[in-house]
Amino acid sequence: MKRRDFSIAAAAVAASQLCVLRSASAQQLGTVKMMIPANPGGGWDQTGRALAAAMQSAKTVGSVQFDNKGGAAGTIGLAQFVNSAKGDPNALMMGGMVMVGGILLNKSPVDLSMVTPIARLTSEYVVVVVPSNSPHKTMGDLVKAFKAEPGKVAWGGGSAGGTDHILIGLIARAVGGDPSKINYVPFKGGGEAISAIVGGHVTAGVSGLGEFAEQIKAGRMRSLAVSSPTRIDNIPTLKEQGIDVVLGNWRGVFAGPGITTAQRDALVAAVKTATDSPAWKESLTKFGWDAWFLGGDQYKAFIDEDVKRISGIIDSLGLRK
């Protein structure tokens, strides 16, 4: 697998945070309550449980309790977290780019300004797959079918407005199709999506490569394209197939509202220590994730900019109803 070559600038940003992180305590936090605002089996679930295992391995937490609460691109779990975790320095929640789009499309009364950004963790490229018995052997076949009769091509992915939905919209626009005519079928969790794709209930599926890797390897799914700039696991890129689209999906972790700066910095330090551990690095390799750490205030600034970016993409694709 070819890994992303991160820029010198990105490395410098990460290095600049070390002084802040070293000044915060990475002492064991006791029992942490982890909100995963999605059903089991998907990317947030995988990331949350991998982070918890790494934090336990690095001894920055004693134990972790999980609460999976799927639906509406994570905004149901987000609302519960905002209400239950206020002022709690031992509460964490997974989230990411999918939630940014979901908040916009669902017109959610809660948003990421209501929680405390702790750390961006990973970036992952997205793969387009079909069931193994699909008549679509290439991305070109799938695009041809979509352009001929958009409504008959059902695309299965995560929540509406998330990375998967946006990628399909970008593909449609790149090939001269109409993004507003996409027949998109959102699923609350990775397990549900896998069953629908393998069972042929949707024409094609879109998700992070790590979520579909085992199904592709077992021959239950056929990978048609990946949204990376270069091939991963020898899967052809969209660009090399004449579709000028590259898109990565970031995931990160948040704390509850109303915690102190010292409590936030302790959480940032605990997460940073965990992401330096062998256990976390094994998870990166296993799931095909790129490490993309950014902590505290810099993570908050990144989120503010990403909200503007995703809002612009959604509007340009006509996905906001």
C-alpha atoms as a PDB file:
ATOM      1  CA  MET A   1       0.000   0.000   0.000  1.00  0.00           C
ATOM      2  CA  LYS A   2       1.308   3.428  -0.868  1.00  0.00           C
ATOM      3  CA  ARG A   3       0.985   5.856   1.979  1.00  0.00           C
ATOM      4  CA  ARG A   4       0.331   9.550   1.648  1.00  0.00           C
ATOM      5  CA  ASP A   5       3.447  11.708   1.610  1.00  0.00           C
ATOM      6  CA  PHE A   6       2.686  14.437   4.080  1.00  0.00           C
ATOM      7  CA  SER A   7       4.047  17.892   3.429  1.00  0.00           C
ATOM      8  CA  ILE A   8       6.821  19.557   5.386  1.00  0.00           C
ATOM      9  CA  ALA A   9       4.281  22.150   6.458  1.00  0.00           C
ATOM     10  CA  ALA A  10       2.037  19.500   8.010  1.00  0.00           C
ATOM     11  CA  ALA A  11       4.994  18.005   9.858  1.00  0.00           C
ATOM     12  CA  ALA A  12       5.910  21.439  11.162  1.00  0.00           C
ATOM     13  CA  VAL A  13       2.388  21.994  12.473  1.00  0.00           C
ATOM     14  CA  ALA A  14       2.516  18.694  14.345  1.00  0.00           C
ATOM     15  CA  ALA A  15       5.941  19.496  15.759  1.00  0.00           C
ATOM     16  CA  SER A  16       4.791  22.931  16.928  1.00  0.00           C
ATOM     17  CA  GLN A  17       2.233  21.295  19.185  1.00  0.00           C
ATOM     18  CA  LEU A  18       4.769  19.250  21.148  1.00  0.00           C
ATOM     19  CA  CYS A  19       5.564  22.033  23.595  1.00  0.00           C
ATOM     20  CA  VAL A  20       1.902  22.458  24.439  1.00  0.00           C
ATOM     21  CA  LEU A  21       1.357  18.729  24.768  1.00  0.00           C
ATOM     22  CA  ARG A  22       4.405  18.199  26.953  1.00  0.00           C
ATOM     23  CA  SER A  23       3.178  20.886  29.332  1.00  0.00           C
ATOM     24  CA  ALA A  24      -0.136  19.058  29.801  1.00  0.00           C
ATOM     25  CA  SER A  25      -0.424  15.974  31.933  1.00  0.00           C
ATOM     26  CA  ALA A  26      -0.907  12.624  30.196  1.00  0.00           C
ATOM     27  CA  GLN A  27      -1.664  10.942  33.505  1.00  0.00           C
ATOM     28  CA  GLN A  28      -4.232   8.194  33.602  1.00  0.00           C
ATOM     29  CA  LEU A  29      -7.764   9.574  33.327  1.00  0.00           C
ATOM     30  CA  GLY A  30      -9.623   6.738  35.027  1.00  0.00           C
ATOM     31  CA  THR A  31     -12.816   5.572  33.300  1.00  0.00           C
ATOM     32  CA  VAL A  32     -13.577   7.360  30.036  1.00  0.00           C
ATOM     33  CA  LYS A  33     -17.062   7.371  28.508  1.00  0.00           C
ATOM     34  CA  MET A  34     -16.807   7.165  24.711  1.00  0.00           C
ATOM     35  CA  MET A  35     -19.794   8.255  22.619  1.00  0.00           C
ATOM     36  CA  ILE A  36     -19.734   6.699  19.140  1.00  0.00           C
ATOM     37  CA  PRO A  37     -22.537   8.441  17.208  1.00  0.00           C
ATOM     38  CA  ALA A  38     -23.006   5.559  14.761  1.00  0.00           C
ATOM     39  CA  ASN A  39     -24.022   1.919  14.799  1.00  0.00           C
ATOM     40  CA  PRO A  40     -21.328  -0.763  15.260  1.00  0.00           C
ATOM     41  CA  GLY A  41     -19.116  -1.777  12.357  1.00  0.00           C
ATOM     42  CA  GLY A  42     -18.442   1.548  10.634  1.00  0.00           C
ATOM     43  CA  GLY A  43     -15.496   3.919  10.549  1.00  0.00           C
ATOM     44  CA  TRP A  44     -16.318   5.894  13.693  1.00  0.00           C
ATOM     45  CA  ASP A  45     -16.851   2.666  15.610  1.00  0.00           C
ATOM     46  CA  GLN A  46     -13.544   1.250  14.376  1.00  0.00           C
ATOM     47  CA  THR A  47     -11.692   4.480  15.143  1.00  0.00           C
ATOM     48  CA  GLY A  48     -13.231   4.946  18.580  1.00  0.00           C
ATOM     49  CA  ARG A  49     -12.477   1.414  19.694  1.00  0.00           C
ATOM     50  CA  ALA A  50      -8.963   1.530  18.241  1.00  0.00           C
ATOM     51  CA  LEU A  51      -8.278   4.808  20.062  1.00  0.00           C
ATOM     52  CA  ALA A  52      -9.642   3.369  23.316  1.00  0.00           C
ATOM     53  CA  ALA A  53      -7.412   0.313  22.972  1.00  0.00           C
ATOM     54  CA  ALA A  54      -4.389   2.527  22.298  1.00  0.00           C
ATOM     55  CA  MET A  55      -5.171   4.753  25.291  1.00  0.00           C
ATOM     56  CA  GLN A  56      -5.427   1.703  27.521  1.00  0.00           C
ATOM     57  CA  SER A  57      -2.213   0.255  26.061  1.00  0.00           C
ATOM     58  CA  ALA A  58      -0.443   3.573  26.686  1.00  0.00           C
ATOM     59  CA  LYS A  59      -1.964   3.682  30.191  1.00  0.00           C
ATOM     60  CA  THR A  60      -3.539   7.117  29.699  1.00  0.00           C
ATOM     61  CA  VAL A  61      -6.947   5.708  30.698  1.00  0.00           C
ATOM     62  CA  GLY A  62      -7.971   2.975  33.083  1.00  0.00           C
ATOM     63  CA  SER A  63     -11.060   1.722  31.272  1.00  0.00           C
ATOM     64  CA  VAL A  64     -13.459   2.828  28.525  1.00  0.00           C
ATOM     65  CA  GLN A  65     -17.251   2.539  28.366  1.00  0.00           C
ATOM     66  CA  PHE A  66     -18.833   2.751  24.883  1.00  0.00           C
ATOM     67  CA  ASP A  67     -22.205   4.098  23.858  1.00  0.00           C
ATOM     68  CA  ASN A  68     -23.203   3.596  20.190  1.00  0.00           C
ATOM     69  CA  LYS A  69     -25.978   5.970  19.146  1.00  0.00           C
ATOM     70  CA  GLY A  70     -26.427   5.996  15.359  1.00  0.00           C
ATOM     71  CA  GLY A  71     -28.577   8.087  13.056  1.00  0.00           C
ATOM     72  CA  ALA A  72     -28.748  11.379  11.156  1.00  0.00           C
ATOM     73  CA  ALA A  73     -25.015  11.536  10.356  1.00  0.00           C
ATOM     74  CA  GLY A  74     -24.115  11.386  14.025  1.00  0.00           C
ATOM     75  CA  THR A  75     -26.303  14.310  15.078  1.00  0.00           C
ATOM     76  CA  ILE A  76     -28.494  12.117  17.322  1.00  0.00           C
ATOM     77  CA  GLY A  77     -25.426  11.004  19.253  1.00  0.00           C
ATOM     78  CA  LEU A  78     -24.053  14.544  19.174  1.00  0.00           C
ATOM     79  CA  ALA A  79     -27.236  15.932  20.752  1.00  0.00           C
ATOM     80  CA  GLN A  80     -27.111  13.307  23.509  1.00  0.00           C
ATOM     81  CA  PHE A  81     -23.428  14.033  24.111  1.00  0.00           C
ATOM     82  CA  VAL A  82     -23.970  17.806  24.329  1.00  0.00           C
ATOM     83  CA  ASN A  83     -26.687  17.260  26.946  1.00  0.00           C
ATOM     84  CA  SER A  84     -24.976  14.552  29.002  1.00  0.00           C
ATOM     85  CA  ALA A  85     -21.267  15.438  28.901  1.00  0.00           C
ATOM     86  CA  LYS A  86     -21.302  19.085  29.949  1.00  0.00           C
ATOM     87  CA  GLY A  87     -18.372  19.764  32.249  1.00  0.00           C
ATOM     88  CA  ASP A  88     -17.311  16.095  32.258  1.00  0.00           C
ATOM     89  CA  PRO A  89     -13.519  15.832  31.699  1.00  0.00           C
ATOM     90  CA  ASN A  90     -13.748  12.054  31.170  1.00  0.00           C
ATOM     91  CA  ALA A  91     -16.241  12.074  28.271  1.00  0.00           C
ATOM     92  CA  LEU A  92     -15.171  11.739  24.633  1.00  0.00           C
ATOM     93  CA  MET A  93     -17.025  11.534  21.319  1.00  0.00           C
ATOM     94  CA  MET A  94     -15.935  10.426  17.862  1.00  0.00           C
ATOM     95  CA  GLY A  95     -16.762  12.554  14.833  1.00  0.00           C
ATOM     96  CA  GLY A  96     -15.412  13.828  11.565  1.00  0.00           C
ATOM     97  CA  MET A  97     -16.113  15.121   8.093  1.00  0.00           C
ATOM     98  CA  VAL A  98     -19.303  13.057   7.800  1.00  0.00           C
ATOM     99  CA  MET A  99     -20.790  14.876  10.788  1.00  0.00           C
ATOM    100  CA  VAL A 100     -19.962  18.283   9.305  1.00  0.00           C
ATOM    101  CA  GLY A 101     -22.038  17.527   6.205  1.00  0.00           C
ATOM    102  CA  GLY A 102     -24.796  15.834   8.177  1.00  0.00           C
ATOM    103  CA  ILE A 103     -25.250  18.835  10.465  1.00  0.00           C
ATOM    104  CA  LEU A 104     -25.710  21.051   7.401  1.00  0.00           C
ATOM    105  CA  LEU A 105     -28.094  18.758   5.510  1.00  0.00           C
ATOM    106  CA  ASN A 106     -30.155  17.774   8.550  1.00  0.00           C
ATOM    107  CA  LYS A 107     -30.399  21.408   9.725  1.00  0.00           C
ATOM    108  CA  SER A 108     -29.337  20.100  13.113  1.00  0.00           C
ATOM    109  CA  PRO A 109     -30.017  22.277  16.166  1.00  0.00           C
ATOM    110  CA  VAL A 110     -26.712  21.038  17.609  1.00  0.00           C
ATOM    111  CA  ASP A 111     -23.337  21.469  15.921  1.00  0.00           C
ATOM    112  CA  LEU A 112     -19.622  21.080  16.580  1.00  0.00           C
ATOM    113  CA  SER A 113     -19.330  24.548  18.100  1.00  0.00           C
ATOM    114  CA  MET A 114     -21.144  23.082  21.120  1.00  0.00           C
ATOM    115  CA  VAL A 115     -18.417  20.548  21.973  1.00  0.00           C
ATOM    116  CA  THR A 116     -14.693  20.837  22.705  1.00  0.00           C
ATOM    117  CA  PRO A 117     -12.287  19.809  19.916  1.00  0.00           C
ATOM    118  CA  ILE A 118      -9.555  17.510  21.254  1.00  0.00           C
ATOM    119  CA  ALA A 119      -7.693  15.989  18.310  1.00  0.00           C
ATOM    120  CA  ARG A 120      -7.941  15.176  14.629  1.00  0.00           C
ATOM    121  CA  LEU A 121      -6.713  11.602  14.306  1.00  0.00           C
ATOM    122  CA  THR A 122      -6.779  10.140  10.811  1.00  0.00           C
ATOM    123  CA  SER A 123      -7.473  10.649   7.155  1.00  0.00           C
ATOM    124  CA  GLU A 124      -8.767   7.864   4.945  1.00  0.00           C
ATOM    125  CA  TYR A 125      -9.472   7.611   1.242  1.00  0.00           C
ATOM    126  CA  VAL A 126     -12.785   6.333  -0.048  1.00  0.00           C
ATOM    127  CA  VAL A 127     -13.408   3.306  -2.256  1.00  0.00           C
ATOM    128  CA  VAL A 128     -16.230   2.609  -4.726  1.00  0.00           C
ATOM    129  CA  VAL A 129     -17.326  -1.044  -4.775  1.00  0.00           C
ATOM    130  CA  VAL A 130     -19.975  -3.271  -6.319  1.00  0.00           C
ATOM    131  CA  PRO A 131     -21.100  -6.772  -5.298  1.00  0.00           C
ATOM    132  CA  SER A 132     -18.933  -9.508  -6.788  1.00  0.00           C
ATOM    133  CA  ASN A 133     -21.683 -10.611  -9.197  1.00  0.00           C
ATOM    134  CA  SER A 134     -22.338  -7.093 -10.505  1.00  0.00           C
ATOM    135  CA  PRO A 135     -22.413  -6.579 -14.285  1.00  0.00           C
ATOM    136  CA  HIS A 136     -20.320  -3.428 -13.745  1.00  0.00           C
ATOM    137  CA  LYS A 137     -16.722  -4.567 -14.149  1.00  0.00           C
ATOM    138  CA  THR A 138     -15.134  -1.102 -14.207  1.00  0.00           C
ATOM    139  CA  MET A 139     -15.807   2.413 -12.989  1.00  0.00           C
ATOM    140  CA  GLY A 140     -16.534   3.283 -16.610  1.00  0.00           C
ATOM    141  CA  ASP A 141     -19.359   0.723 -16.682  1.00  0.00           C
ATOM    142  CA  LEU A 142     -20.895   2.192 -13.528  1.00  0.00           C
ATOM    143  CA  VAL A 143     -20.621   5.771 -14.798  1.00  0.00           C
ATOM    144  CA  LYS A 144     -22.208   4.783 -18.115  1.00  0.00           C
ATOM    145  CA  ALA A 145     -25.189   3.240 -16.299  1.00  0.00           C
ATOM    146  CA  PHE A 146     -25.533   6.298 -14.052  1.00  0.00           C
ATOM    147  CA  LYS A 147     -25.489   8.766 -16.938  1.00  0.00           C
ATOM    148  CA  ALA A 148     -28.048   6.709 -18.875  1.00  0.00           C
ATOM    149  CA  GLU A 149     -30.554   6.326 -16.026  1.00  0.00           C
ATOM    150  CA  PRO A 150     -29.415   8.050 -12.805  1.00  0.00           C
ATOM    151  CA  GLY A 151     -32.380   6.916 -10.734  1.00  0.00           C
ATOM    152  CA  LYS A 152     -31.748   3.236 -11.424  1.00  0.00           C
ATOM    153  CA  VAL A 153     -28.253   3.334  -9.950  1.00  0.00           C
ATOM    154  CA  ALA A 154     -28.597   3.154  -6.161  1.00  0.00           C
ATOM    155  CA  TRP A 155     -25.475   4.249  -4.296  1.00  0.00           C
ATOM    156  CA  GLY A 156     -25.157   2.954  -0.731  1.00  0.00           C
ATOM    157  CA  GLY A 157     -23.031   4.809   1.809  1.00  0.00           C
ATOM    158  CA  GLY A 158     -22.968   6.566   5.136  1.00  0.00           C
ATOM    159  CA  SER A 159     -25.209   9.399   6.256  1.00  0.00           C
ATOM    160  CA  ALA A 160     -26.547  11.937   3.772  1.00  0.00           C
ATOM    161  CA  GLY A 161     -24.151  14.833   3.305  1.00  0.00           C
ATOM    162  CA  GLY A 162     -21.155  12.836   4.488  1.00  0.00           C
ATOM    163  CA  THR A 163     -17.942  11.967   2.683  1.00  0.00           C
ATOM    164  CA  ASP A 164     -19.510   9.107   0.717  1.00  0.00           C
ATOM    165  CA  HIS A 165     -22.405  11.242  -0.512  1.00  0.00           C
ATOM    166  CA  ILE A 166     -20.091  14.137  -1.386  1.00  0.00           C
ATOM    167  CA  LEU A 167     -17.750  11.834  -3.313  1.00  0.00           C
ATOM    168  CA  ILE A 168     -20.620  10.541  -5.465  1.00  0.00           C
ATOM    169  CA  GLY A 169     -21.704  14.111  -6.120  1.00  0.00           C
ATOM    170  CA  LEU A 170     -18.184  15.078  -7.174  1.00  0.00           C
ATOM    171  CA  ILE A 171     -17.993  12.032  -9.461  1.00  0.00           C
ATOM    172  CA  ALA A 172     -21.354  12.897 -11.028  1.00  0.00           C
ATOM    173  CA  ARG A 173     -20.252  16.454 -11.692  1.00  0.00           C
ATOM    174  CA  ALA A 174     -16.868  15.357 -13.071  1.00  0.00           C
ATOM    175  CA  VAL A 175     -18.455  13.021 -15.636  1.00  0.00           C
ATOM    176  CA  GLY A 176     -21.086  15.519 -16.757  1.00  0.00           C
ATOM    177  CA  GLY A 177     -23.964  14.032 -14.786  1.00  0.00           C
ATOM    178  CA  ASP A 178     -26.482  15.793 -12.550  1.00  0.00           C
ATOM    179  CA  PRO A 179     -25.611  15.484  -8.825  1.00  0.00           C
ATOM    180  CA  SER A 180     -29.176  16.379  -7.849  1.00  0.00           C
ATOM    181  CA  LYS A 181     -30.430  13.171  -9.519  1.00  0.00           C
ATOM    182  CA  ILE A 182     -28.264  10.841  -7.442  1.00  0.00           C
ATOM    183  CA  ASN A 183     -30.223   7.958  -5.888  1.00  0.00           C
ATOM    184  CA  TYR A 184     -28.417   7.861  -2.553  1.00  0.00           C
ATOM    185  CA  VAL A 185     -29.238   5.252   0.113  1.00  0.00           C
ATOM    186  CA  PRO A 186     -27.777   6.207   3.519  1.00  0.00           C
ATOM    187  CA  PHE A 187     -26.982   3.608   6.189  1.00  0.00           C
ATOM    188  CA  LYS A 188     -26.520   4.148   9.932  1.00  0.00           C
ATOM    189  CA  GLY A 189     -23.541   1.798  10.257  1.00  0.00           C
ATOM    190  CA  GLY A 190     -20.929  -0.120   8.319  1.00  0.00           C
ATOM    191  CA  GLY A 191     -22.434  -3.542   9.022  1.00  0.00           C
ATOM    192  CA  GLU A 192     -25.779  -2.499   7.584  1.00  0.00           C
ATOM    193  CA  ALA A 193     -24.122  -1.054   4.470  1.00  0.00           C
ATOM    194  CA  ILE A 194     -22.010  -4.168   3.886  1.00  0.00           C
ATOM    195  CA  SER A 195     -25.071  -6.426   4.048  1.00  0.00           C
ATOM    196  CA  ALA A 196     -26.935  -4.256   1.526  1.00  0.00           C
ATOM    197  CA  ILE A 197     -24.021  -4.124  -0.904  1.00  0.00           C
ATOM    198  CA  VAL A 198     -23.100  -7.803  -0.743  1.00  0.00           C
ATOM    199  CA  GLY A 199     -26.782  -8.710  -1.007  1.00  0.00           C
ATOM    200  CA  GLY A 200     -27.214  -6.628  -4.142  1.00  0.00           C
ATOM    201  CA  HIS A 201     -29.797  -4.305  -2.581  1.00  0.00           C
ATOM    202  CA  VAL A 202     -27.854  -1.310  -3.924  1.00  0.00           C
ATOM    203  CA  THR A 203     -25.968  -0.995  -7.208  1.00  0.00           C
ATOM    204  CA  ALA A 204     -22.723   0.263  -5.685  1.00  0.00           C
ATOM    205  CA  GLY A 205     -21.269   1.123  -2.304  1.00  0.00           C
ATOM    206  CA  VAL A 206     -18.984   3.902  -1.130  1.00  0.00           C
ATOM    207  CA  SER A 207     -17.024   4.005   2.116  1.00  0.00           C
ATOM    208  CA  GLY A 208     -13.599   4.236   3.689  1.00  0.00           C
ATOM    209  CA  LEU A 209     -11.279   1.555   2.389  1.00  0.00           C
ATOM    210  CA  GLY A 210     -10.786   0.114   5.865  1.00  0.00           C
ATOM    211  CA  GLU A 211     -14.501  -0.672   6.202  1.00  0.00           C
ATOM    212  CA  PHE A 212     -14.634  -2.740   3.004  1.00  0.00           C
ATOM    213  CA  ALA A 213     -11.099  -4.199   2.975  1.00  0.00           C
ATOM    214  CA  GLU A 214     -12.072  -7.634   4.329  1.00  0.00           C
ATOM    215  CA  GLN A 215     -15.025  -7.948   1.943  1.00  0.00           C
ATOM    216  CA  ILE A 216     -12.833  -7.015  -1.033  1.00  0.00           C
ATOM    217  CA  LYS A 217     -10.118  -9.452   0.025  1.00  0.00           C
ATOM    218  CA  ALA A 218     -12.692 -12.253   0.476  1.00  0.00           C
ATOM    219  CA  GLY A 219     -14.104 -11.640  -2.998  1.00  0.00           C
ATOM    220  CA  ARG A 220     -17.568 -10.584  -1.821  1.00  0.00           C
ATOM    221  CA  MET A 221     -17.067  -7.080  -3.240  1.00  0.00           C
ATOM    222  CA  ARG A 222     -15.282  -5.808  -6.344  1.00  0.00           C
ATOM    223  CA  SER A 223     -13.386  -2.527  -5.932  1.00  0.00           C
ATOM    224  CA  LEU A 224     -13.748  -0.194  -8.906  1.00  0.00           C
ATOM    225  CA  ALA A 225     -11.908   2.942  -7.788  1.00  0.00           C
ATOM    226  CA  VAL A 226     -10.291   4.712  -4.849  1.00  0.00           C
ATOM    227  CA  SER A 227     -10.389   8.463  -4.187  1.00  0.00           C
ATOM    228  CA  SER A 228      -6.644   8.774  -3.517  1.00  0.00           C
ATOM    229  CA  PRO A 229      -4.062  10.497  -5.747  1.00  0.00           C
ATOM    230  CA  THR A 230      -2.214   7.182  -6.265  1.00  0.00           C
ATOM    231  CA  ARG A 231      -3.268   3.535  -6.159  1.00  0.00           C
ATOM    232  CA  ILE A 232      -3.829   1.792  -2.836  1.00  0.00           C
ATOM    233  CA  ASP A 233      -3.687  -2.021  -2.788  1.00  0.00           C
ATOM    234  CA  ASN A 234      -3.525  -1.749  -6.587  1.00  0.00           C
ATOM    235  CA  ILE A 235      -7.057  -0.336  -6.765  1.00  0.00           C
ATOM    236  CA  PRO A 236      -7.260   2.098  -9.724  1.00  0.00           C
ATOM    237  CA  THR A 237      -7.754   5.744  -8.796  1.00  0.00           C
ATOM    238  CA  LEU A 238     -10.634   7.826 -10.065  1.00  0.00           C
ATOM    239  CA  LYS A 239      -8.141  10.180 -11.716  1.00  0.00           C
ATOM    240  CA  GLU A 240      -6.443   7.480 -13.771  1.00  0.00           C
ATOM    241  CA  GLN A 241      -9.880   6.459 -15.048  1.00  0.00           C
ATOM    242  CA  GLY A 242     -10.565   9.955 -16.329  1.00  0.00           C
ATOM    243  CA  ILE A 243     -12.558  11.216 -13.314  1.00  0.00           C
ATOM    244  CA  ASP A 244     -10.751  14.229 -11.853  1.00  0.00           C
ATOM    245  CA  VAL A 245     -11.671  13.720  -8.187  1.00  0.00           C
ATOM    246  CA  VAL A 246      -9.485  13.228  -5.074  1.00  0.00           C
ATOM    247  CA  LEU A 247     -11.100  13.199  -1.613  1.00  0.00           C
ATOM    248  CA  GLY A 248      -9.979  12.180   1.874  1.00  0.00           C
ATOM    249  CA  ASN A 249     -12.140  11.661   4.958  1.00  0.00           C
ATOM    250  CA  TRP A 250     -10.877  12.881   8.341  1.00  0.00           C
ATOM    251  CA  ARG A 251     -11.934  11.600  11.763  1.00  0.00           C
ATOM    252  CA  GLY A 252     -11.326  13.086  15.163  1.00  0.00           C
ATOM    253  CA  VAL A 253     -12.323  13.149  18.805  1.00  0.00           C
ATOM    254  CA  PHE A 254     -14.169  15.717  20.902  1.00  0.00           C
ATOM    255  CA  ALA A 255     -14.837  16.360  24.581  1.00  0.00           C
ATOM    256  CA  GLY A 256     -17.967  17.720  26.209  1.00  0.00           C
ATOM    257  CA  PRO A 257     -18.865  21.395  26.484  1.00  0.00           C
ATOM    258  CA  GLY A 258     -17.846  23.452  29.481  1.00  0.00           C
ATOM    259  CA  ILE A 259     -14.594  21.734  30.465  1.00  0.00           C
ATOM    260  CA  THR A 260     -11.636  23.869  31.549  1.00  0.00           C
ATOM    261  CA  THR A 261      -8.600  24.594  29.375  1.00  0.00           C
ATOM    262  CA  ALA A 262      -6.467  22.483  31.716  1.00  0.00           C
ATOM    263  CA  GLN A 263      -8.886  19.562  31.400  1.00  0.00           C
ATOM    264  CA  ARG A 264      -8.897  19.921  27.603  1.00  0.00           C
ATOM    265  CA  ASP A 265      -5.092  19.984  27.460  1.00  0.00           C
ATOM    266  CA  ALA A 266      -4.911  16.855  29.620  1.00  0.00           C
ATOM    267  CA  LEU A 267      -7.207  15.060  27.151  1.00  0.00           C
ATOM    268  CA  VAL A 268      -5.159  16.286  24.177  1.00  0.00           C
ATOM    269  CA  ALA A 269      -2.004  14.979  25.856  1.00  0.00           C
ATOM    270  CA  ALA A 270      -3.623  11.630  26.676  1.00  0.00           C
ATOM    271  CA  VAL A 271      -4.784  11.166  23.084  1.00  0.00           C
ATOM    272  CA  LYS A 272      -1.415  12.265  21.656  1.00  0.00           C
ATOM    273  CA  THR A 273       0.402   9.767  23.880  1.00  0.00           C
ATOM    274  CA  ALA A 274      -1.963   7.040  22.698  1.00  0.00           C
ATOM    275  CA  THR A 275      -1.416   7.885  19.013  1.00  0.00           C
ATOM    276  CA  ASP A 276       2.338   7.525  19.518  1.00  0.00           C
ATOM    277  CA  SER A 277       1.861   3.964  20.818  1.00  0.00           C
ATOM    278  CA  PRO A 278       2.565   0.730  18.901  1.00  0.00           C
ATOM    279  CA  ALA A 279      -1.091  -0.286  19.393  1.00  0.00           C
ATOM    280  CA  TRP A 280      -2.330   2.780  17.490  1.00  0.00           C
ATOM    281  CA  LYS A 281       0.230   2.336  14.723  1.00  0.00           C
ATOM    282  CA  GLU A 282      -0.937  -1.256  14.296  1.00  0.00           C
ATOM    283  CA  SER A 283      -4.506   0.017  13.862  1.00  0.00           C
ATOM    284  CA  LEU A 284      -3.358   2.516  11.218  1.00  0.00           C
ATOM    285  CA  THR A 285      -1.815  -0.321   9.234  1.00  0.00           C
ATOM    286  CA  LYS A 286      -4.739  -2.690   9.768  1.00  0.00           C
ATOM    287  CA  PHE A 287      -7.390  -0.242   8.570  1.00  0.00           C
ATOM    288  CA  GLY A 288      -5.351   1.643   5.981  1.00  0.00           C
ATOM    289  CA  TRP A 289      -5.626   4.966   7.798  1.00  0.00           C
ATOM    290  CA  ASP A 290      -3.172   7.855   7.483  1.00  0.00           C
ATOM    291  CA  ALA A 291      -2.048   9.458  10.738  1.00  0.00           C
ATOM    292  CA  TRP A 292      -3.157  13.117  10.674  1.00  0.00           C
ATOM    293  CA  PHE A 293      -2.876  14.403  14.211  1.00  0.00           C
ATOM    294  CA  LEU A 294      -3.833  17.958  15.081  1.00  0.00           C
ATOM    295  CA  GLY A 295      -4.690  18.993  18.615  1.00  0.00           C
ATOM    296  CA  GLY A 296      -6.477  21.639  20.637  1.00  0.00           C
ATOM    297  CA  ASP A 297      -6.828  25.147  19.197  1.00  0.00           C
ATOM    298  CA  GLN A 298      -5.335  24.186  15.835  1.00  0.00           C
ATOM    299  CA  TYR A 299      -7.893  21.387  15.486  1.00  0.00           C
ATOM    300  CA  LYS A 300     -10.658  23.866  16.297  1.00  0.00           C
ATOM    301  CA  ALA A 301      -9.404  26.231  13.585  1.00  0.00           C
ATOM    302  CA  PHE A 302      -9.314  23.335  11.117  1.00  0.00           C
ATOM    303  CA  ILE A 303     -12.941  22.439  11.928  1.00  0.00           C
ATOM    304  CA  ASP A 304     -14.095  26.038  11.459  1.00  0.00           C
ATOM    305  CA  GLU A 305     -12.533  26.082   7.989  1.00  0.00           C
ATOM    306  CA  ASP A 306     -13.860  22.640   7.085  1.00  0.00           C
ATOM    307  CA  VAL A 307     -17.434  23.663   7.925  1.00  0.00           C
ATOM    308  CA  LYS A 308     -17.101  26.473   5.366  1.00  0.00           C
ATOM    309  CA  ARG A 309     -15.506  24.138   2.800  1.00  0.00           C
ATOM    310  CA  ILE A 310     -18.105  21.361   3.105  1.00  0.00           C
ATOM    311  CA  SER A 311     -20.968  23.857   3.047  1.00  0.00           C
ATOM    312  CA  GLY A 312     -19.643  25.223  -0.242  1.00  0.00           C
ATOM    313  CA  ILE A 313     -19.310  21.752  -1.777  1.00  0.00           C
ATOM    314  CA  ILE A 314     -22.821  20.708  -0.726  1.00  0.00           C
ATOM    315  CA  ASP A 315     -24.319  23.871  -2.198  1.00  0.00           C
ATOM    316  CA  SER A 316     -22.331  23.602  -5.448  1.00  0.00           C
ATOM    317  CA  LEU A 317     -23.530  20.015  -5.925  1.00  0.00           C
ATOM    318  CA  GLY A 318     -27.162  20.870  -5.231  1.00  0.00           C
ATOM    319  CA  LEU A 319     -27.329  18.325  -2.399  1.00  0.00           C
ATOM    320  CA  ARG A 320     -28.998  20.652   0.110  1.00  0.00           C
ATOM    321  CA  LYS A 321     -32.770  20.301  -0.291  1.00  0.00           C
END
